[in-house]
Amino acid sequence: MMWVCPFCQQQFVNNNQVHSCGDKVLSDFLNGKSEHTLSLFWHFVTSYQLLGNVTVHPTKSMIAFAATTRIAYVTKLGKDFVDVVFPFNKPFNDNLCFHKIAQVPGTSQYNHHFRMQHKEDLNEEVNGFMLMAYKGSHSA
């Protein structure tokens, strides 16, 4: 059974999950962004929601995407790009889509950094990693 924060109504696997609740709303991140960047962002949102029940949660410094657990983070909305981080429990070094893979110190989490500059960047390879993150959250 999921724990629901009584303040922000977000659902979490762990009771009393530490999170930033109520700090930001989505418009705080989207206001003032270029039409191109907004188009990329909404394309990413729509693509993830086609995989299943994926929700969007603005946090203090980024936008989290969640299924059962957090499966991706938009860390930057640039002038003409969207930066996304996918957290996995091992590095997937054999890929063409991630420009950086880094272990989070003191954990077994590896953040996989992806930059989307065109809608076509969400290709078969990236969609495979999106699906892997989504399916992985349901086995947590």
N, C-alpha and C. Protein backbone atom coordinates (compact mmCIF):
# COMPACT_ATOMS: atom_id res chain seq x y z
N MET A 1 0.83 -1.18 0.00
CA MET A 1 0.00 0.00 0.00
C MET A 1 0.88 1.25 0.00
N MET A 2 0.50 2.22 -0.76
CA MET A 2 1.27 3.46 -0.90
C MET A 2 0.97 4.40 0.27
N TRP A 3 2.01 5.13 0.71
CA TRP A 3 1.82 6.19 1.69
C TRP A 3 1.51 7.47 0.94
N VAL A 4 0.52 8.22 1.39
CA VAL A 4 0.12 9.47 0.77
C VAL A 4 0.46 10.61 1.71
N CYS A 5 1.24 11.57 1.23
CA CYS A 5 1.59 12.73 2.04
C CYS A 5 0.30 13.51 2.34
N PRO A 6 0.04 13.79 3.61
CA PRO A 6 -1.20 14.49 3.95
C PRO A 6 -1.22 15.95 3.49
N PHE A 7 -0.07 16.50 3.13
CA PHE A 7 0.01 17.90 2.72
C PHE A 7 -0.10 18.09 1.22
N CYS A 8 0.65 17.28 0.44
CA CYS A 8 0.68 17.49 -1.01
C CYS A 8 -0.02 16.37 -1.79
N GLN A 9 -0.44 15.33 -1.11
CA GLN A 9 -1.17 14.20 -1.70
C GLN A 9 -0.33 13.34 -2.65
N GLN A 10 1.00 13.52 -2.67
CA GLN A 10 1.84 12.64 -3.48
C GLN A 10 1.88 11.26 -2.84
N GLN A 11 1.99 10.23 -3.68
CA GLN A 11 2.05 8.86 -3.20
C GLN A 11 3.49 8.36 -3.22
N PHE A 12 3.85 7.60 -2.18
CA PHE A 12 5.21 7.07 -2.06
C PHE A 12 5.16 5.63 -1.58
N VAL A 13 6.18 4.87 -1.95
CA VAL A 13 6.30 3.49 -1.50
C VAL A 13 6.62 3.46 -0.01
N ASN A 14 7.50 4.38 0.45
CA ASN A 14 7.94 4.40 1.84
C ASN A 14 7.10 5.35 2.68
N ASN A 15 6.77 4.93 3.91
CA ASN A 15 6.06 5.80 4.84
C ASN A 15 6.92 7.00 5.19
N ASN A 16 6.30 8.16 5.29
CA ASN A 16 6.98 9.40 5.66
C ASN A 16 8.19 9.70 4.78
N GLN A 17 8.07 9.40 3.49
CA GLN A 17 9.14 9.63 2.52
C GLN A 17 9.56 11.10 2.55
N VAL A 18 10.85 11.35 2.66
CA VAL A 18 11.37 12.71 2.60
C VAL A 18 11.17 13.23 1.17
N HIS A 19 10.59 14.41 1.04
CA HIS A 19 10.36 15.03 -0.26
C HIS A 19 10.11 16.51 -0.04
N SER A 20 10.16 17.27 -1.11
CA SER A 20 9.86 18.70 -1.00
C SER A 20 8.41 18.88 -1.43
N CYS A 21 7.57 19.09 -0.48
CA CYS A 21 6.15 19.13 -0.81
C CYS A 21 5.66 20.57 -0.79
N GLY A 22 5.00 20.93 -1.88
CA GLY A 22 4.40 22.24 -1.95
C GLY A 22 5.35 23.38 -2.25
N ASP A 23 6.62 23.09 -2.51
CA ASP A 23 7.59 24.16 -2.77
C ASP A 23 7.33 24.85 -4.10
N LYS A 24 6.99 24.08 -5.11
CA LYS A 24 6.88 24.62 -6.48
C LYS A 24 5.65 24.04 -7.17
N VAL A 25 5.23 24.77 -8.20
CA VAL A 25 4.20 24.26 -9.11
C VAL A 25 4.82 24.21 -10.50
N LEU A 26 4.23 23.45 -11.39
CA LEU A 26 4.81 23.24 -12.72
C LEU A 26 5.07 24.55 -13.45
N SER A 27 4.17 25.49 -13.33
CA SER A 27 4.34 26.77 -14.04
C SER A 27 5.60 27.52 -13.59
N ASP A 28 6.07 27.27 -12.36
CA ASP A 28 7.32 27.90 -11.90
C ASP A 28 8.48 27.51 -12.80
N PHE A 29 8.44 26.32 -13.36
CA PHE A 29 9.51 25.84 -14.23
C PHE A 29 9.27 26.20 -15.69
N LEU A 30 8.00 26.29 -16.09
CA LEU A 30 7.67 26.46 -17.51
C LEU A 30 7.55 27.92 -17.95
N ASN A 31 7.21 28.81 -17.03
CA ASN A 31 7.04 30.22 -17.40
C ASN A 31 8.31 30.80 -18.01
N GLY A 32 8.15 31.50 -19.13
CA GLY A 32 9.27 32.16 -19.77
C GLY A 32 10.12 31.28 -20.66
N LYS A 33 9.78 30.01 -20.78
CA LYS A 33 10.56 29.11 -21.64
C LYS A 33 10.13 29.26 -23.09
N SER A 34 11.04 28.95 -23.99
CA SER A 34 10.75 29.09 -25.42
C SER A 34 9.67 28.10 -25.85
N GLU A 35 9.01 28.43 -26.92
CA GLU A 35 7.99 27.53 -27.47
C GLU A 35 8.59 26.17 -27.80
N HIS A 36 9.82 26.19 -28.33
CA HIS A 36 10.50 24.94 -28.67
C HIS A 36 10.72 24.08 -27.43
N THR A 37 11.23 24.69 -26.36
CA THR A 37 11.50 23.95 -25.13
C THR A 37 10.21 23.40 -24.53
N LEU A 38 9.16 24.21 -24.53
CA LEU A 38 7.87 23.74 -24.02
C LEU A 38 7.34 22.57 -24.84
N SER A 39 7.52 22.64 -26.15
CA SER A 39 7.09 21.56 -27.03
C SER A 39 7.85 20.27 -26.71
N LEU A 40 9.16 20.39 -26.48
CA LEU A 40 9.96 19.22 -26.11
C LEU A 40 9.50 18.64 -24.78
N PHE A 41 9.28 19.52 -23.80
CA PHE A 41 8.86 19.07 -22.48
C PHE A 41 7.54 18.30 -22.56
N TRP A 42 6.55 18.88 -23.22
CA TRP A 42 5.24 18.21 -23.30
C TRP A 42 5.31 16.94 -24.13
N HIS A 43 6.20 16.88 -25.10
CA HIS A 43 6.41 15.64 -25.86
C HIS A 43 6.95 14.55 -24.94
N PHE A 44 7.89 14.92 -24.06
CA PHE A 44 8.44 13.96 -23.10
C PHE A 44 7.35 13.48 -22.15
N VAL A 45 6.55 14.41 -21.63
CA VAL A 45 5.46 14.05 -20.72
C VAL A 45 4.50 13.07 -21.40
N THR A 46 4.06 13.43 -22.59
CA THR A 46 3.11 12.59 -23.33
C THR A 46 3.70 11.21 -23.63
N SER A 47 4.96 11.19 -24.04
CA SER A 47 5.61 9.91 -24.35
C SER A 47 5.66 9.01 -23.13
N TYR A 48 5.95 9.58 -21.96
CA TYR A 48 6.00 8.76 -20.75
C TYR A 48 4.61 8.29 -20.36
N GLN A 49 3.62 9.15 -20.51
CA GLN A 49 2.27 8.76 -20.11
C GLN A 49 1.67 7.71 -21.03
N LEU A 50 2.20 7.56 -22.24
CA LEU A 50 1.76 6.48 -23.12
C LEU A 50 2.19 5.11 -22.60
N LEU A 51 3.22 5.09 -21.75
CA LEU A 51 3.71 3.82 -21.19
C LEU A 51 2.83 3.31 -20.06
N GLY A 52 2.14 4.22 -19.39
CA GLY A 52 1.31 3.83 -18.25
C GLY A 52 1.01 5.03 -17.39
N ASN A 53 0.61 4.77 -16.16
CA ASN A 53 0.24 5.83 -15.24
C ASN A 53 1.49 6.51 -14.68
N VAL A 54 1.90 7.57 -15.35
CA VAL A 54 3.07 8.34 -14.94
C VAL A 54 2.59 9.73 -14.55
N THR A 55 3.00 10.17 -13.37
CA THR A 55 2.59 11.48 -12.88
C THR A 55 3.79 12.42 -12.83
N VAL A 56 3.50 13.71 -12.86
CA VAL A 56 4.52 14.76 -12.88
C VAL A 56 4.47 15.50 -11.55
N HIS A 57 5.65 15.65 -10.91
CA HIS A 57 5.72 16.28 -9.59
C HIS A 57 6.82 17.34 -9.57
N PRO A 58 6.46 18.62 -9.56
CA PRO A 58 7.47 19.65 -9.39
C PRO A 58 8.09 19.54 -7.99
N THR A 59 9.40 19.64 -7.91
CA THR A 59 10.09 19.63 -6.62
C THR A 59 10.78 20.97 -6.46
N LYS A 60 11.63 21.07 -5.48
CA LYS A 60 12.31 22.33 -5.23
C LYS A 60 13.18 22.77 -6.40
N SER A 61 13.87 21.83 -7.05
CA SER A 61 14.84 22.22 -8.07
C SER A 61 14.68 21.50 -9.41
N MET A 62 13.69 20.61 -9.53
CA MET A 62 13.52 19.86 -10.77
C MET A 62 12.09 19.35 -10.86
N ILE A 63 11.79 18.67 -11.97
CA ILE A 63 10.47 18.10 -12.18
C ILE A 63 10.62 16.58 -12.19
N ALA A 64 9.98 15.93 -11.23
CA ALA A 64 10.07 14.47 -11.11
C ALA A 64 8.93 13.81 -11.86
N PHE A 65 9.23 12.64 -12.41
CA PHE A 65 8.24 11.78 -13.06
C PHE A 65 8.16 10.51 -12.24
N ALA A 66 6.94 10.10 -11.90
CA ALA A 66 6.78 8.95 -11.02
C ALA A 66 5.76 7.97 -11.56
N ALA A 67 6.05 6.70 -11.33
CA ALA A 67 5.08 5.63 -11.52
C ALA A 67 4.83 5.14 -10.10
N THR A 68 5.38 3.99 -9.72
CA THR A 68 5.33 3.59 -8.32
C THR A 68 6.39 4.35 -7.53
N THR A 69 7.55 4.55 -8.15
CA THR A 69 8.62 5.36 -7.57
C THR A 69 9.02 6.41 -8.60
N ARG A 70 9.97 7.26 -8.24
CA ARG A 70 10.46 8.28 -9.17
C ARG A 70 11.28 7.59 -10.25
N ILE A 71 10.97 7.89 -11.52
CA ILE A 71 11.60 7.16 -12.62
C ILE A 71 12.42 8.05 -13.54
N ALA A 72 12.24 9.36 -13.44
CA ALA A 72 13.01 10.30 -14.26
C ALA A 72 12.85 11.69 -13.66
N TYR A 73 13.81 12.54 -14.01
CA TYR A 73 13.79 13.92 -13.53
C TYR A 73 14.17 14.85 -14.66
N VAL A 74 13.37 15.87 -14.91
CA VAL A 74 13.79 16.95 -15.80
C VAL A 74 14.57 17.91 -14.91
N THR A 75 15.86 18.01 -15.18
CA THR A 75 16.74 18.82 -14.34
C THR A 75 16.97 20.22 -14.88
N LYS A 76 16.71 20.40 -16.19
CA LYS A 76 16.90 21.73 -16.77
C LYS A 76 16.04 21.88 -18.02
N LEU A 77 15.39 23.03 -18.10
CA LEU A 77 14.67 23.43 -19.30
C LEU A 77 15.47 24.59 -19.88
N GLY A 78 16.27 24.30 -20.91
CA GLY A 78 17.14 25.31 -21.51
C GLY A 78 16.44 26.09 -22.59
N LYS A 79 17.22 26.90 -23.29
CA LYS A 79 16.67 27.72 -24.37
C LYS A 79 16.10 26.86 -25.49
N ASP A 80 16.80 25.78 -25.80
CA ASP A 80 16.36 24.92 -26.91
C ASP A 80 16.57 23.43 -26.61
N PHE A 81 16.50 23.07 -25.33
CA PHE A 81 16.71 21.68 -24.94
C PHE A 81 16.03 21.40 -23.60
N VAL A 82 15.91 20.10 -23.31
CA VAL A 82 15.42 19.62 -22.02
C VAL A 82 16.42 18.57 -21.53
N ASP A 83 16.95 18.78 -20.33
CA ASP A 83 17.85 17.80 -19.73
C ASP A 83 17.06 16.88 -18.80
N VAL A 84 17.31 15.58 -18.96
CA VAL A 84 16.58 14.56 -18.20
C VAL A 84 17.60 13.62 -17.55
N VAL A 85 17.31 13.19 -16.33
CA VAL A 85 18.12 12.19 -15.65
C VAL A 85 17.24 10.98 -15.36
N PHE A 86 17.76 9.80 -15.73
CA PHE A 86 17.11 8.54 -15.42
C PHE A 86 17.95 7.84 -14.35
N PRO A 87 17.39 7.55 -13.18
CA PRO A 87 18.15 6.83 -12.14
C PRO A 87 17.99 5.31 -12.30
N PHE A 88 19.11 4.62 -12.41
CA PHE A 88 19.08 3.16 -12.49
C PHE A 88 20.02 2.61 -11.43
N ASN A 89 19.87 1.31 -11.09
CA ASN A 89 20.73 0.71 -10.07
C ASN A 89 22.01 0.13 -10.63
N LYS A 90 22.27 0.35 -11.90
CA LYS A 90 23.54 -0.04 -12.51
C LYS A 90 23.78 0.85 -13.72
N PRO A 91 25.04 0.99 -14.13
CA PRO A 91 25.32 1.82 -15.30
C PRO A 91 25.04 1.06 -16.60
N PHE A 92 24.45 1.75 -17.54
CA PHE A 92 24.23 1.20 -18.88
C PHE A 92 25.15 1.95 -19.83
N ASN A 93 26.40 1.48 -19.88
CA ASN A 93 27.44 2.19 -20.63
C ASN A 93 27.33 2.00 -22.14
N ASP A 94 26.72 0.92 -22.58
CA ASP A 94 26.62 0.63 -24.01
C ASP A 94 25.37 1.28 -24.58
N ASN A 95 25.47 2.58 -24.88
CA ASN A 95 24.32 3.33 -25.39
C ASN A 95 24.82 4.50 -26.22
N LEU A 96 23.93 5.08 -26.98
CA LEU A 96 24.25 6.27 -27.77
C LEU A 96 23.53 7.51 -27.24
N CYS A 97 22.64 7.34 -26.27
CA CYS A 97 21.78 8.46 -25.86
C CYS A 97 22.25 9.21 -24.63
N PHE A 98 23.00 8.59 -23.74
CA PHE A 98 23.40 9.28 -22.50
C PHE A 98 24.77 9.93 -22.68
N HIS A 99 24.85 11.21 -22.36
CA HIS A 99 26.13 11.91 -22.48
C HIS A 99 26.94 11.83 -21.20
N LYS A 100 26.32 11.36 -20.10
CA LYS A 100 27.03 11.21 -18.83
C LYS A 100 26.31 10.16 -18.01
N ILE A 101 27.09 9.32 -17.34
CA ILE A 101 26.56 8.35 -16.38
C ILE A 101 27.41 8.49 -15.13
N ALA A 102 26.77 8.78 -14.00
CA ALA A 102 27.52 9.02 -12.77
C ALA A 102 26.83 8.35 -11.59
N GLN A 103 27.65 7.69 -10.76
CA GLN A 103 27.11 7.08 -9.55
C GLN A 103 26.86 8.15 -8.51
N VAL A 104 25.72 8.06 -7.84
CA VAL A 104 25.41 8.97 -6.74
C VAL A 104 26.25 8.51 -5.56
N PRO A 105 27.11 9.38 -5.00
CA PRO A 105 28.00 8.96 -3.92
C PRO A 105 27.25 8.30 -2.76
N GLY A 106 27.81 7.18 -2.30
CA GLY A 106 27.26 6.47 -1.16
C GLY A 106 26.02 5.65 -1.46
N THR A 107 25.68 5.49 -2.75
CA THR A 107 24.49 4.71 -3.11
C THR A 107 24.83 3.75 -4.25
N SER A 108 23.87 2.92 -4.58
CA SER A 108 24.02 2.05 -5.75
C SER A 108 23.24 2.62 -6.93
N GLN A 109 22.93 3.91 -6.87
CA GLN A 109 22.18 4.57 -7.96
C GLN A 109 23.14 5.21 -8.96
N TYR A 110 22.85 4.99 -10.23
CA TYR A 110 23.61 5.60 -11.32
C TYR A 110 22.68 6.51 -12.11
N ASN A 111 23.00 7.78 -12.14
CA ASN A 111 22.20 8.73 -12.89
C ASN A 111 22.68 8.77 -14.33
N HIS A 112 21.74 8.59 -15.25
CA HIS A 112 22.00 8.58 -16.69
C HIS A 112 21.45 9.87 -17.27
N HIS A 113 22.33 10.72 -17.79
CA HIS A 113 21.97 12.06 -18.25
C HIS A 113 21.70 12.07 -19.75
N PHE A 114 20.54 12.61 -20.11
CA PHE A 114 20.07 12.66 -21.49
C PHE A 114 19.65 14.09 -21.82
N ARG A 115 20.07 14.58 -22.97
CA ARG A 115 19.65 15.91 -23.44
C ARG A 115 18.79 15.75 -24.68
N MET A 116 17.57 16.27 -24.62
CA MET A 116 16.65 16.24 -25.76
C MET A 116 16.64 17.62 -26.40
N GLN A 117 17.04 17.67 -27.68
CA GLN A 117 17.03 18.92 -28.44
C GLN A 117 15.97 18.92 -29.53
N HIS A 118 15.52 17.73 -29.90
CA HIS A 118 14.51 17.56 -30.94
C HIS A 118 13.56 16.45 -30.49
N LYS A 119 12.32 16.52 -30.91
CA LYS A 119 11.37 15.46 -30.54
C LYS A 119 11.88 14.10 -30.98
N GLU A 120 12.58 14.07 -32.11
CA GLU A 120 13.09 12.81 -32.64
C GLU A 120 14.16 12.19 -31.74
N ASP A 121 14.70 12.96 -30.79
CA ASP A 121 15.68 12.41 -29.86
C ASP A 121 15.07 11.33 -28.96
N LEU A 122 13.75 11.36 -28.80
CA LEU A 122 13.08 10.28 -28.07
C LEU A 122 12.88 9.12 -29.05
N ASN A 123 14.01 8.50 -29.37
CA ASN A 123 14.02 7.42 -30.36
C ASN A 123 13.79 6.07 -29.67
N GLU A 124 13.97 5.02 -30.43
CA GLU A 124 13.74 3.66 -29.92
C GLU A 124 14.62 3.35 -28.71
N GLU A 125 15.88 3.78 -28.77
CA GLU A 125 16.80 3.52 -27.66
C GLU A 125 16.33 4.22 -26.39
N VAL A 126 16.02 5.51 -26.49
CA VAL A 126 15.58 6.27 -25.32
C VAL A 126 14.25 5.72 -24.80
N ASN A 127 13.34 5.41 -25.70
CA ASN A 127 12.06 4.83 -25.27
C ASN A 127 12.27 3.51 -24.52
N GLY A 128 13.28 2.75 -24.93
CA GLY A 128 13.60 1.51 -24.22
C GLY A 128 14.03 1.78 -22.79
N PHE A 129 14.85 2.82 -22.59
CA PHE A 129 15.28 3.17 -21.23
C PHE A 129 14.12 3.75 -20.42
N MET A 130 13.25 4.51 -21.08
CA MET A 130 12.06 5.04 -20.39
C MET A 130 11.19 3.89 -19.90
N LEU A 131 10.99 2.90 -20.76
CA LEU A 131 10.19 1.73 -20.38
C LEU A 131 10.87 0.94 -19.27
N MET A 132 12.19 0.79 -19.35
CA MET A 132 12.93 0.08 -18.31
C MET A 132 12.75 0.77 -16.96
N ALA A 133 12.85 2.09 -16.94
CA ALA A 133 12.66 2.84 -15.69
C ALA A 133 11.23 2.67 -15.18
N TYR A 134 10.27 2.73 -16.09
CA TYR A 134 8.86 2.57 -15.71
C TYR A 134 8.61 1.18 -15.13
N LYS A 135 9.05 0.16 -15.83
CA LYS A 135 8.84 -1.22 -15.36
C LYS A 135 9.60 -1.47 -14.06
N GLY A 136 10.79 -0.90 -13.94
CA GLY A 136 11.58 -1.08 -12.73
C GLY A 136 10.89 -0.51 -11.50
N SER A 137 10.12 0.55 -11.69
CA SER A 137 9.43 1.16 -10.55
C SER A 137 8.33 0.25 -10.02
N HIS A 138 7.81 -0.61 -10.88
CA HIS A 138 6.73 -1.51 -10.45
C HIS A 138 7.26 -2.77 -9.78
N SER A 139 8.58 -2.95 -9.82
CA SER A 139 9.16 -4.11 -9.13
C SER A 139 9.85 -3.68 -7.85
N ALA A 140 9.74 -2.38 -7.52
CA ALA A 140 10.39 -1.86 -6.31
C ALA A 140 9.66 -2.30 -5.06
